[in-house]
């Protein structure tokens, strides 16, 4: 009987170690998912702001800068727009 109790205790100890390892792995993956969700949200916000800018340019090209005179000015205006829309100090 004592041998069965010792076997059971050893088995429970091994199970506890496996479950602890699995719990740490799950926590790690949860952290990664949170980080990915945050990055996805940033990309979606940037895409939304860019689409908003593109729609404004299609409807009100005068407010988007001289599109046909200088491509550089269009990019410059887009960057200003996106910085303001995303509340960024610099856009890289």
Protein backbone atom coordinates (compact mmCIF):
# COMPACT_ATOMS: atom_id res chain seq x y z
CA UNK A 1 0.00 0.00 0.00
CA UNK A 2 2.82 2.42 0.85
CA UNK A 3 4.39 1.75 -2.54
CA UNK A 4 1.12 2.68 -4.31
CA UNK A 5 0.92 5.90 -2.30
CA UNK A 6 4.50 6.76 -3.25
CA UNK A 7 3.77 6.04 -6.92
CA UNK A 8 0.65 8.18 -6.77
CA UNK A 9 2.58 11.03 -5.09
CA UNK A 10 5.32 10.84 -7.73
CA UNK A 11 2.73 10.80 -10.50
CA UNK A 12 0.96 13.82 -9.00
CA UNK A 13 4.28 15.66 -8.68
CA UNK A 14 5.12 14.98 -12.33
CA UNK A 15 1.63 16.09 -13.39
CA UNK A 16 2.00 19.28 -11.36
CA UNK A 17 5.31 20.07 -13.08
CA UNK A 18 3.82 19.45 -16.53
CA UNK A 19 0.80 21.63 -15.76
CA UNK A 20 3.03 24.40 -14.37
CA UNK A 21 5.09 24.36 -17.55
CA UNK A 22 1.94 24.44 -19.68
CA UNK A 23 0.61 27.35 -17.61
CA UNK A 24 3.82 29.34 -18.16
CA UNK A 25 3.66 28.63 -21.90
CA UNK A 26 0.04 29.78 -22.07
CA UNK A 27 0.89 32.97 -20.19
CA UNK A 28 3.72 33.62 -22.66
CA UNK A 29 1.39 33.12 -25.63
CA UNK A 30 -1.24 35.37 -24.04
CA UNK A 31 1.38 38.12 -23.71
CA UNK A 32 2.37 37.69 -27.35
CA UNK A 33 -1.29 37.86 -28.43
CA UNK A 34 -1.82 41.08 -26.48
CA UNK A 35 1.23 42.64 -28.15
CA UNK A 36 0.03 41.48 -31.58
CA UNK A 37 -3.45 42.87 -30.92
CA UNK A 38 -1.93 46.25 -30.01
CA UNK A 39 0.19 46.30 -33.17
CA UNK A 40 -2.77 45.27 -35.32
CA UNK A 41 -4.83 48.09 -33.80
CA UNK A 42 -2.07 50.59 -34.67
CA UNK A 43 -1.92 49.34 -38.26
CA UNK A 44 -5.71 49.48 -38.58
CA UNK A 45 -5.74 53.04 -37.23
CA UNK A 46 -3.02 54.10 -39.66
CA UNK A 47 -4.84 52.45 -42.56
CA UNK A 48 -8.08 54.15 -41.55
CA UNK A 49 -6.38 57.54 -41.35
CA UNK A 50 -4.71 57.03 -44.72
CA UNK A 51 -8.03 55.99 -46.29
CA UNK A 52 -9.66 59.06 -44.78
CA UNK A 53 -6.91 61.21 -46.30
CA UNK A 54 -7.30 59.51 -49.70
CA UNK A 55 -11.06 60.06 -49.59
CA UNK A 56 -10.57 63.73 -48.73
CA UNK A 57 -8.16 64.11 -51.64
CA UNK A 58 -10.65 62.53 -53.99
CA UNK A 59 -13.42 64.88 -52.88
CA UNK A 60 -11.43 68.02 -52.04
CA UNK A 61 -8.13 67.91 -53.96
CA UNK A 62 -7.36 71.57 -53.20
CA UNK A 63 -7.07 70.80 -49.45
CA UNK A 64 -4.62 67.99 -50.13
CA UNK A 65 -2.01 70.20 -51.71
CA UNK A 66 -1.05 70.65 -55.33
CA UNK A 67 -1.32 67.00 -56.31
CA UNK A 68 -0.42 67.54 -59.95
CA UNK A 69 2.34 70.09 -59.40
CA UNK A 70 4.53 68.20 -56.97
CA UNK A 71 4.33 64.68 -55.68
CA UNK A 72 6.63 65.67 -52.79
CA UNK A 73 4.07 68.21 -51.55
CA UNK A 74 1.35 65.57 -51.61
CA UNK A 75 3.49 63.24 -49.50
CA UNK A 76 4.32 66.11 -47.17
CA UNK A 77 0.64 66.96 -46.73
CA UNK A 78 -0.23 63.29 -46.22
CA UNK A 79 2.41 63.01 -43.51
CA UNK A 80 1.08 66.09 -41.72
CA UNK A 81 -2.46 64.76 -41.99
CA UNK A 82 -1.51 61.32 -40.66
CA UNK A 83 0.54 62.79 -37.81
CA UNK A 84 -2.40 64.91 -36.73
CA UNK A 85 -4.90 62.08 -37.19
CA UNK A 86 -2.77 59.57 -35.27
CA UNK A 87 -1.47 62.14 -32.75
CA UNK A 88 2.13 61.37 -33.68
CA UNK A 89 5.10 63.67 -33.35
CA UNK A 90 6.94 62.05 -36.24
CA UNK A 91 5.97 59.68 -39.01
CA UNK A 92 8.59 57.30 -40.36
